[in-house]
N, C-alpha and C. Protein backbone atom coordinates (compact mmCIF):
# COMPACT_ATOMS: atom_id res chain seq x y z
N MET A 1 14.64 -0.82 24.06
CA MET A 1 15.80 -1.46 23.45
C MET A 1 16.87 -0.39 23.23
N GLY A 2 18.06 -0.62 23.76
CA GLY A 2 19.18 0.28 23.52
C GLY A 2 19.86 -0.05 22.21
N SER A 3 20.69 0.87 21.73
CA SER A 3 21.34 0.66 20.43
C SER A 3 22.27 -0.55 20.42
N LEU A 4 22.75 -0.99 21.59
CA LEU A 4 23.60 -2.18 21.63
C LEU A 4 22.84 -3.43 21.15
N ASP A 5 21.52 -3.39 21.24
CA ASP A 5 20.71 -4.53 20.82
C ASP A 5 20.20 -4.42 19.39
N TYR A 6 20.49 -3.31 18.71
CA TYR A 6 20.10 -3.17 17.30
C TYR A 6 20.85 -4.23 16.50
N ARG A 7 20.25 -4.67 15.40
CA ARG A 7 20.80 -5.78 14.61
C ARG A 7 21.29 -5.30 13.25
N LEU A 8 22.42 -5.87 12.83
CA LEU A 8 23.01 -5.53 11.53
C LEU A 8 22.07 -5.98 10.42
N CYS A 9 21.77 -5.05 9.49
CA CYS A 9 20.87 -5.40 8.40
C CYS A 9 21.44 -5.06 7.02
N TYR A 10 22.53 -4.28 6.94
CA TYR A 10 23.03 -3.86 5.63
C TYR A 10 24.44 -3.30 5.78
N VAL A 11 25.31 -3.57 4.81
CA VAL A 11 26.67 -3.04 4.79
C VAL A 11 26.97 -2.54 3.38
N ASP A 12 27.49 -1.30 3.28
CA ASP A 12 27.85 -0.75 1.97
C ASP A 12 28.78 0.44 2.14
N GLY A 13 29.84 0.46 1.35
CA GLY A 13 30.74 1.61 1.33
C GLY A 13 31.36 1.95 2.67
N GLY A 14 31.61 0.96 3.51
CA GLY A 14 32.18 1.22 4.82
C GLY A 14 31.15 1.48 5.90
N TRP A 15 29.89 1.67 5.51
CA TRP A 15 28.82 1.92 6.48
C TRP A 15 28.13 0.62 6.85
N MET A 16 27.92 0.42 8.14
CA MET A 16 27.13 -0.69 8.64
C MET A 16 25.83 -0.10 9.18
N HIS A 17 24.70 -0.68 8.78
CA HIS A 17 23.39 -0.19 9.19
C HIS A 17 22.77 -1.18 10.17
N PHE A 18 22.31 -0.67 11.30
CA PHE A 18 21.70 -1.48 12.35
C PHE A 18 20.26 -1.01 12.56
N THR A 19 19.36 -1.94 12.81
CA THR A 19 17.95 -1.63 12.99
C THR A 19 17.43 -2.20 14.30
N ASN A 20 16.39 -1.56 14.84
CA ASN A 20 15.72 -2.10 16.01
C ASN A 20 14.54 -2.98 15.61
N ALA A 21 14.25 -3.07 14.32
CA ALA A 21 13.15 -3.90 13.82
C ALA A 21 13.61 -5.35 13.65
N PRO A 22 12.71 -6.30 13.74
CA PRO A 22 13.08 -7.68 13.39
C PRO A 22 13.54 -7.71 11.93
N LEU A 23 14.58 -8.47 11.63
CA LEU A 23 15.14 -8.46 10.27
C LEU A 23 14.12 -8.73 9.18
N PRO A 24 13.19 -9.67 9.35
CA PRO A 24 12.22 -9.89 8.28
C PRO A 24 11.34 -8.66 7.99
N GLU A 25 11.18 -7.78 8.97
CA GLU A 25 10.35 -6.58 8.79
C GLU A 25 11.13 -5.42 8.21
N GLN A 26 12.46 -5.43 8.31
CA GLN A 26 13.28 -4.34 7.77
C GLN A 26 13.41 -4.54 6.27
N SER A 27 13.32 -3.46 5.50
CA SER A 27 13.42 -3.58 4.05
C SER A 27 14.19 -2.42 3.47
N GLY A 28 14.51 -2.56 2.20
CA GLY A 28 15.20 -1.53 1.45
C GLY A 28 14.98 -1.79 -0.03
N ASN A 29 15.42 -0.86 -0.86
CA ASN A 29 15.25 -0.98 -2.30
C ASN A 29 16.04 -2.17 -2.84
N LYS A 30 15.37 -3.08 -3.52
CA LYS A 30 15.96 -4.27 -4.15
C LYS A 30 16.57 -5.24 -3.13
N TRP A 31 16.03 -5.31 -1.93
CA TRP A 31 16.56 -6.22 -0.92
C TRP A 31 16.21 -7.67 -1.21
N ASP A 32 15.11 -7.90 -1.91
CA ASP A 32 14.66 -9.27 -2.15
C ASP A 32 15.06 -9.81 -3.51
N ILE A 33 15.45 -8.94 -4.42
CA ILE A 33 15.80 -9.37 -5.77
C ILE A 33 17.17 -8.83 -6.16
N GLY A 34 17.87 -9.54 -6.99
CA GLY A 34 19.16 -9.06 -7.48
C GLY A 34 20.26 -9.11 -6.43
N SER A 35 21.40 -8.62 -6.83
CA SER A 35 22.59 -8.66 -5.99
C SER A 35 22.54 -7.63 -4.88
N TYR A 36 23.09 -7.98 -3.73
CA TYR A 36 23.19 -7.04 -2.61
C TYR A 36 24.00 -5.81 -3.00
N ARG A 37 24.87 -5.95 -4.00
CA ARG A 37 25.71 -4.83 -4.42
C ARG A 37 24.90 -3.76 -5.15
N GLU A 38 23.72 -4.12 -5.64
CA GLU A 38 22.86 -3.16 -6.35
C GLU A 38 21.71 -2.67 -5.48
N ALA A 39 21.62 -3.16 -4.26
CA ALA A 39 20.52 -2.80 -3.36
C ALA A 39 20.79 -1.46 -2.69
N GLY A 40 19.72 -0.87 -2.18
CA GLY A 40 19.83 0.41 -1.49
C GLY A 40 19.86 0.21 0.02
N PRO A 41 20.16 1.29 0.74
CA PRO A 41 20.21 1.21 2.21
C PRO A 41 18.82 0.93 2.79
N PRO A 42 18.76 0.59 4.07
CA PRO A 42 17.47 0.29 4.69
C PRO A 42 16.54 1.51 4.67
N MET A 43 15.25 1.23 4.51
CA MET A 43 14.24 2.29 4.57
C MET A 43 13.76 2.41 6.01
N LEU A 44 13.45 3.62 6.38
CA LEU A 44 13.02 3.90 7.74
C LEU A 44 11.52 4.19 7.74
N SER A 45 10.78 3.49 8.58
CA SER A 45 9.37 3.79 8.77
C SER A 45 9.06 3.65 10.26
N TYR A 46 8.29 4.59 10.77
CA TYR A 46 7.98 4.61 12.20
C TYR A 46 7.33 3.30 12.61
N PRO A 47 7.67 2.69 13.72
CA PRO A 47 8.54 3.14 14.80
C PRO A 47 9.98 2.62 14.69
N MET A 48 10.35 2.12 13.51
CA MET A 48 11.71 1.59 13.34
C MET A 48 12.74 2.71 13.51
N GLN A 49 13.91 2.32 14.01
CA GLN A 49 15.02 3.26 14.12
C GLN A 49 16.26 2.60 13.54
N LEU A 50 17.12 3.43 12.96
CA LEU A 50 18.36 2.94 12.35
C LEU A 50 19.55 3.66 12.96
N VAL A 51 20.67 2.96 13.02
CA VAL A 51 21.95 3.54 13.42
C VAL A 51 22.97 3.18 12.35
N ARG A 52 23.72 4.18 11.88
CA ARG A 52 24.80 3.93 10.92
C ARG A 52 26.13 4.03 11.64
N VAL A 53 27.00 3.06 11.35
CA VAL A 53 28.32 3.00 11.98
C VAL A 53 29.34 2.81 10.87
N LEU A 54 30.43 3.56 10.93
CA LEU A 54 31.51 3.42 9.97
C LEU A 54 32.49 2.37 10.47
N ILE A 55 32.93 1.50 9.60
CA ILE A 55 33.92 0.48 9.97
C ILE A 55 35.19 0.71 9.18
N GLU A 56 36.33 0.62 9.86
CA GLU A 56 37.65 0.57 9.23
C GLU A 56 38.29 -0.73 9.67
N SER A 57 38.50 -1.62 8.72
CA SER A 57 39.09 -2.91 9.06
C SER A 57 39.53 -3.62 7.79
N ASP A 58 40.17 -4.76 7.99
CA ASP A 58 40.55 -5.62 6.87
C ASP A 58 39.50 -6.68 6.60
N LEU A 59 38.33 -6.58 7.23
CA LEU A 59 37.26 -7.54 6.98
C LEU A 59 36.74 -7.38 5.56
N LEU A 60 36.37 -8.49 4.94
CA LEU A 60 35.97 -8.50 3.54
C LEU A 60 34.48 -8.72 3.37
N LEU A 61 33.89 -8.01 2.41
CA LEU A 61 32.51 -8.26 2.00
C LEU A 61 32.46 -9.57 1.23
N PRO A 62 31.27 -10.17 1.04
CA PRO A 62 31.20 -11.47 0.35
C PRO A 62 31.87 -11.50 -1.03
N HIS A 63 31.66 -10.48 -1.86
CA HIS A 63 32.28 -10.51 -3.19
C HIS A 63 33.79 -10.35 -3.12
N GLU A 64 34.30 -9.64 -2.11
CA GLU A 64 35.74 -9.52 -1.95
C GLU A 64 36.35 -10.85 -1.50
N LEU A 65 35.64 -11.57 -0.64
CA LEU A 65 36.11 -12.88 -0.20
C LEU A 65 36.10 -13.86 -1.36
N ASP A 66 35.11 -13.77 -2.25
CA ASP A 66 35.05 -14.64 -3.43
C ASP A 66 36.25 -14.41 -4.35
N GLN A 67 36.71 -13.17 -4.43
CA GLN A 67 37.88 -12.88 -5.28
C GLN A 67 39.13 -13.54 -4.73
N VAL A 68 39.18 -13.71 -3.42
CA VAL A 68 40.32 -14.39 -2.80
C VAL A 68 40.18 -15.90 -2.93
N HIS A 69 38.97 -16.40 -2.65
CA HIS A 69 38.69 -17.84 -2.73
C HIS A 69 37.88 -18.12 -3.98
N ARG A 70 38.51 -18.20 -5.12
CA ARG A 70 37.78 -18.39 -6.38
C ARG A 70 37.11 -19.75 -6.47
N ASP A 71 37.50 -20.68 -5.62
CA ASP A 71 36.89 -22.00 -5.65
C ASP A 71 35.68 -22.10 -4.71
N SER A 72 35.20 -20.95 -4.22
CA SER A 72 34.07 -20.93 -3.30
C SER A 72 32.85 -21.60 -3.93
N PRO A 73 32.16 -22.47 -3.17
CA PRO A 73 31.01 -23.17 -3.73
C PRO A 73 29.81 -22.25 -3.97
N LEU A 74 29.73 -21.11 -3.27
CA LEU A 74 28.60 -20.20 -3.42
C LEU A 74 29.11 -18.82 -3.76
N LEU A 75 29.11 -18.49 -5.05
CA LEU A 75 29.53 -17.16 -5.45
C LEU A 75 28.44 -16.16 -5.09
N THR A 76 28.85 -14.95 -4.74
CA THR A 76 27.92 -14.00 -4.15
C THR A 76 27.26 -13.06 -5.14
N HIS A 77 27.56 -13.15 -6.43
CA HIS A 77 27.00 -12.19 -7.36
C HIS A 77 25.47 -12.23 -7.38
N ALA A 78 24.87 -13.33 -7.00
CA ALA A 78 23.42 -13.45 -7.02
C ALA A 78 22.78 -13.32 -5.63
N LEU A 79 23.57 -13.12 -4.60
CA LEU A 79 23.01 -13.04 -3.25
C LEU A 79 22.31 -11.70 -3.04
N SER A 80 21.10 -11.75 -2.51
CA SER A 80 20.36 -10.54 -2.17
C SER A 80 20.67 -10.15 -0.72
N VAL A 81 20.30 -8.94 -0.37
CA VAL A 81 20.43 -8.51 1.03
C VAL A 81 19.64 -9.46 1.93
N ARG A 82 18.43 -9.79 1.50
CA ARG A 82 17.59 -10.68 2.31
C ARG A 82 18.26 -12.03 2.53
N SER A 83 18.88 -12.61 1.49
CA SER A 83 19.52 -13.92 1.65
C SER A 83 20.74 -13.84 2.57
N ILE A 84 21.47 -12.75 2.51
CA ILE A 84 22.60 -12.58 3.44
C ILE A 84 22.07 -12.44 4.87
N ASN A 85 21.03 -11.64 5.04
CA ASN A 85 20.45 -11.48 6.38
C ASN A 85 19.81 -12.77 6.89
N ASP A 86 19.43 -13.66 5.97
CA ASP A 86 18.87 -14.96 6.36
C ASP A 86 19.96 -16.00 6.63
N GLY A 87 21.24 -15.63 6.45
CA GLY A 87 22.33 -16.52 6.84
C GLY A 87 23.05 -17.23 5.72
N ALA A 88 22.83 -16.83 4.45
CA ALA A 88 23.52 -17.49 3.34
C ALA A 88 25.03 -17.27 3.41
N ARG A 89 25.46 -16.11 3.81
CA ARG A 89 26.88 -15.75 3.97
C ARG A 89 26.98 -14.66 5.02
N PRO A 90 28.15 -14.51 5.65
CA PRO A 90 28.33 -13.37 6.55
C PRO A 90 28.48 -12.08 5.74
N TRP A 91 28.10 -10.96 6.35
CA TRP A 91 28.32 -9.67 5.69
C TRP A 91 29.81 -9.37 5.58
N LEU A 92 30.56 -9.67 6.62
CA LEU A 92 32.00 -9.39 6.65
C LEU A 92 32.74 -10.58 7.23
N SER A 93 33.92 -10.87 6.67
CA SER A 93 34.74 -11.99 7.15
C SER A 93 36.20 -11.58 7.15
N SER A 94 36.94 -12.15 8.10
CA SER A 94 38.39 -11.94 8.10
C SER A 94 39.02 -12.87 7.08
N MET A 95 40.23 -12.56 6.70
CA MET A 95 40.95 -13.38 5.73
C MET A 95 42.18 -13.95 6.38
N ARG A 96 41.97 -14.97 7.21
CA ARG A 96 43.10 -15.64 7.87
C ARG A 96 43.01 -17.12 7.53
N GLY A 97 43.59 -17.50 6.43
CA GLY A 97 43.53 -18.88 5.98
C GLY A 97 42.19 -19.20 5.34
N ALA A 98 41.93 -20.45 5.14
CA ALA A 98 40.71 -20.87 4.47
C ALA A 98 39.48 -20.73 5.37
N ASP A 99 39.66 -20.73 6.68
CA ASP A 99 38.55 -20.64 7.62
C ASP A 99 38.61 -19.29 8.33
N PRO A 100 37.74 -18.33 7.96
CA PRO A 100 37.80 -17.01 8.59
C PRO A 100 37.58 -17.08 10.10
N SER A 101 38.41 -16.35 10.84
CA SER A 101 38.30 -16.39 12.29
C SER A 101 37.28 -15.39 12.83
N VAL A 102 37.00 -14.34 12.06
CA VAL A 102 35.99 -13.36 12.47
C VAL A 102 34.95 -13.28 11.36
N GLN A 103 33.69 -13.47 11.73
CA GLN A 103 32.59 -13.35 10.78
C GLN A 103 31.49 -12.51 11.40
N ILE A 104 31.01 -11.54 10.64
CA ILE A 104 29.92 -10.67 11.09
C ILE A 104 28.71 -10.97 10.21
N TRP A 105 27.65 -11.47 10.83
CA TRP A 105 26.47 -11.96 10.14
C TRP A 105 25.33 -10.95 10.21
N GLY A 106 24.42 -11.02 9.25
CA GLY A 106 23.18 -10.27 9.34
C GLY A 106 22.46 -10.69 10.61
N GLY A 107 21.97 -9.73 11.35
CA GLY A 107 21.29 -10.03 12.61
C GLY A 107 22.18 -9.95 13.82
N ASP A 108 23.51 -9.86 13.64
CA ASP A 108 24.40 -9.67 14.79
C ASP A 108 24.07 -8.35 15.47
N THR A 109 24.10 -8.33 16.79
CA THR A 109 23.83 -7.09 17.52
C THR A 109 25.03 -6.15 17.41
N LEU A 110 24.77 -4.87 17.65
CA LEU A 110 25.86 -3.89 17.64
C LEU A 110 26.89 -4.26 18.71
N ARG A 111 26.43 -4.77 19.85
CA ARG A 111 27.36 -5.20 20.91
C ARG A 111 28.31 -6.28 20.39
N SER A 112 27.79 -7.30 19.71
CA SER A 112 28.65 -8.38 19.22
C SER A 112 29.55 -7.90 18.09
N VAL A 113 29.07 -6.96 17.27
CA VAL A 113 29.91 -6.42 16.19
C VAL A 113 31.07 -5.62 16.78
N ILE A 114 30.82 -4.84 17.83
CA ILE A 114 31.91 -4.11 18.49
C ILE A 114 32.99 -5.10 18.94
N ASP A 115 32.58 -6.20 19.56
CA ASP A 115 33.54 -7.20 20.04
C ASP A 115 34.28 -7.86 18.89
N LYS A 116 33.57 -8.19 17.81
CA LYS A 116 34.21 -8.86 16.67
C LYS A 116 35.17 -7.94 15.94
N VAL A 117 34.81 -6.67 15.77
CA VAL A 117 35.70 -5.72 15.10
C VAL A 117 36.95 -5.50 15.94
N ARG A 118 36.79 -5.46 17.25
CA ARG A 118 37.96 -5.34 18.14
C ARG A 118 38.86 -6.56 17.96
N ASP A 119 38.28 -7.76 17.86
CA ASP A 119 39.06 -8.98 17.66
C ASP A 119 39.79 -8.97 16.31
N ALA A 120 39.24 -8.26 15.34
CA ALA A 120 39.84 -8.19 14.01
C ALA A 120 40.78 -6.99 13.87
N ASP A 121 41.09 -6.34 15.00
CA ASP A 121 41.98 -5.16 15.01
C ASP A 121 41.46 -4.04 14.12
N GLY A 122 40.15 -3.86 14.09
CA GLY A 122 39.54 -2.80 13.31
C GLY A 122 39.09 -1.66 14.20
N ALA A 123 38.39 -0.70 13.60
CA ALA A 123 37.87 0.45 14.33
C ALA A 123 36.46 0.75 13.84
N LEU A 124 35.63 1.21 14.77
CA LEU A 124 34.28 1.66 14.44
C LEU A 124 34.16 3.13 14.83
N TYR A 125 33.38 3.87 14.06
CA TYR A 125 33.11 5.27 14.35
C TYR A 125 31.60 5.45 14.35
N MET A 126 31.07 6.06 15.40
CA MET A 126 29.64 6.25 15.49
C MET A 126 29.33 7.58 16.14
N ASN A 127 28.13 8.06 15.90
CA ASN A 127 27.66 9.31 16.47
C ASN A 127 27.10 9.02 17.86
N PRO A 128 27.69 9.58 18.92
CA PRO A 128 27.21 9.30 20.27
C PRO A 128 25.75 9.70 20.48
N ALA A 129 25.26 10.68 19.74
CA ALA A 129 23.86 11.09 19.88
C ALA A 129 22.93 9.97 19.42
N ASP A 130 23.37 9.14 18.48
CA ASP A 130 22.55 8.04 17.97
C ASP A 130 22.65 6.79 18.83
N CYS A 131 23.79 6.59 19.45
CA CYS A 131 24.01 5.32 20.16
C CYS A 131 24.96 5.52 21.33
N TYR A 132 24.53 6.31 22.30
CA TYR A 132 25.38 6.62 23.44
C TYR A 132 25.78 5.37 24.20
N ASP A 133 24.84 4.43 24.40
CA ASP A 133 25.16 3.23 25.17
C ASP A 133 26.23 2.39 24.47
N ALA A 134 26.22 2.36 23.13
CA ALA A 134 27.24 1.61 22.40
C ALA A 134 28.60 2.28 22.53
N CYS A 135 28.63 3.62 22.46
CA CYS A 135 29.90 4.33 22.65
C CYS A 135 30.45 4.08 24.05
N ASP A 136 29.57 4.10 25.03
CA ASP A 136 29.99 3.84 26.42
C ASP A 136 30.54 2.43 26.56
N TYR A 137 29.85 1.44 25.98
CA TYR A 137 30.29 0.04 26.04
C TYR A 137 31.65 -0.12 25.38
N ALA A 138 31.80 0.42 24.18
CA ALA A 138 33.05 0.26 23.43
C ALA A 138 34.21 0.99 24.09
N SER A 139 33.93 2.12 24.74
CA SER A 139 35.03 2.89 25.35
C SER A 139 35.68 2.16 26.50
N ARG A 140 35.02 1.16 27.05
CA ARG A 140 35.62 0.37 28.14
C ARG A 140 36.85 -0.39 27.66
N PHE A 141 36.94 -0.62 26.35
CA PHE A 141 38.06 -1.38 25.80
C PHE A 141 39.20 -0.48 25.36
N ASP A 142 38.94 0.80 25.21
CA ASP A 142 39.96 1.72 24.72
C ASP A 142 39.82 3.03 25.50
N GLN A 143 40.59 3.16 26.56
CA GLN A 143 40.48 4.34 27.41
C GLN A 143 40.97 5.61 26.72
N LYS A 144 41.67 5.46 25.59
CA LYS A 144 42.20 6.63 24.89
C LYS A 144 41.26 7.09 23.78
N TRP A 145 40.09 6.50 23.65
CA TRP A 145 39.23 6.80 22.51
C TRP A 145 38.82 8.25 22.44
N ARG A 146 38.70 8.94 23.56
CA ARG A 146 38.29 10.35 23.52
C ARG A 146 39.38 11.22 22.90
N ARG A 147 40.64 10.81 23.00
CA ARG A 147 41.72 11.57 22.38
C ARG A 147 41.82 11.29 20.88
N ASN A 148 41.23 10.20 20.43
CA ASN A 148 41.29 9.82 19.02
C ASN A 148 39.97 10.16 18.33
N GLU A 149 39.42 11.32 18.64
CA GLU A 149 38.09 11.64 18.12
C GLU A 149 38.12 11.93 16.62
N ARG A 150 37.07 11.45 15.93
CA ARG A 150 36.92 11.69 14.49
C ARG A 150 35.45 11.82 14.16
N VAL A 151 35.16 12.64 13.19
CA VAL A 151 33.81 12.76 12.67
C VAL A 151 33.79 12.11 11.31
N VAL A 152 32.69 11.55 10.95
CA VAL A 152 32.57 10.90 9.66
C VAL A 152 31.69 11.75 8.77
N GLN A 153 32.21 12.08 7.59
CA GLN A 153 31.44 12.79 6.58
C GLN A 153 31.19 11.84 5.43
N GLU A 154 30.26 12.21 4.58
CA GLU A 154 29.96 11.37 3.44
C GLU A 154 30.44 12.08 2.18
N GLY A 155 31.21 11.38 1.36
CA GLY A 155 31.69 11.94 0.10
C GLY A 155 30.60 11.94 -0.94
N ASN A 156 30.88 12.50 -2.11
CA ASN A 156 29.90 12.57 -3.19
C ASN A 156 29.44 11.20 -3.65
N ASP A 157 30.28 10.18 -3.50
CA ASP A 157 29.93 8.84 -3.94
C ASP A 157 29.25 8.03 -2.83
N GLY A 158 28.97 8.65 -1.68
CA GLY A 158 28.30 7.96 -0.59
C GLY A 158 29.24 7.20 0.32
N ARG A 159 30.52 7.19 0.00
CA ARG A 159 31.49 6.49 0.85
C ARG A 159 31.87 7.35 2.04
N ALA A 160 32.25 6.70 3.10
CA ALA A 160 32.58 7.39 4.34
C ALA A 160 33.97 8.01 4.26
N ILE A 161 34.08 9.22 4.80
CA ILE A 161 35.36 9.92 4.86
C ILE A 161 35.60 10.33 6.30
N PRO A 162 36.47 9.63 7.04
CA PRO A 162 36.74 10.04 8.42
C PRO A 162 37.53 11.35 8.44
N THR A 163 37.18 12.26 9.33
CA THR A 163 37.88 13.52 9.48
C THR A 163 38.15 13.75 10.96
N PRO A 164 39.05 14.67 11.33
CA PRO A 164 39.37 14.86 12.75
C PRO A 164 38.18 15.35 13.57
N ARG A 165 37.70 14.72 14.55
CA ARG A 165 36.65 15.00 15.55
C ARG A 165 35.60 13.91 15.47
N GLY A 166 34.99 13.46 16.46
CA GLY A 166 33.96 12.44 16.46
C GLY A 166 34.24 11.41 17.52
N LYS A 167 33.80 10.19 17.39
CA LYS A 167 34.01 9.19 18.42
C LYS A 167 34.57 7.91 17.82
N ARG A 168 35.80 7.63 18.10
CA ARG A 168 36.39 6.36 17.74
C ARG A 168 36.16 5.43 18.91
N VAL A 169 35.51 4.32 18.67
CA VAL A 169 35.08 3.53 19.80
C VAL A 169 35.71 2.15 19.91
N VAL A 170 36.50 1.76 18.96
CA VAL A 170 37.19 0.49 19.06
C VAL A 170 38.64 0.70 18.69
N LYS A 171 39.53 0.24 19.55
CA LYS A 171 40.96 0.43 19.31
C LYS A 171 41.38 -0.31 18.06
N GLN A 172 42.18 0.37 17.24
CA GLN A 172 42.66 -0.25 15.99
C GLN A 172 43.99 -0.89 16.22
């Protein structure tokens, strides 16, 4: 299985986590109980593999979308990571009217997320050593991506900090 087939299992602080394990087998701290906002990143156990990808876009997490649509029938404060991955809500949604045009769901492949982020005029940053096939796939859409190289560092609060050098793989 190449990294393009890895499935989205967790989103936090700009980082998207993809796994090669079936979603029901992937786990993390507090994934089954409490709010997804209090849960930890996915745990790694052999032979599972994870890929982390940084996203820059206007796509909204479930609680951010609830702040925009206060009349939402399902508020997300009680949603667990497991319930989001089971399809209760998308991990990320665009904000174009009442019906989001771009939605990224738990279980979406890295290939489909690349396409959806491109449709949302966003950008993804990934380490080519972790997912060379995904970088190759995404570069077909942006021939200038090698000139827009950036590396992603992690700040003290765990949030992503893009810096000059690395691989920008989706045109913004």
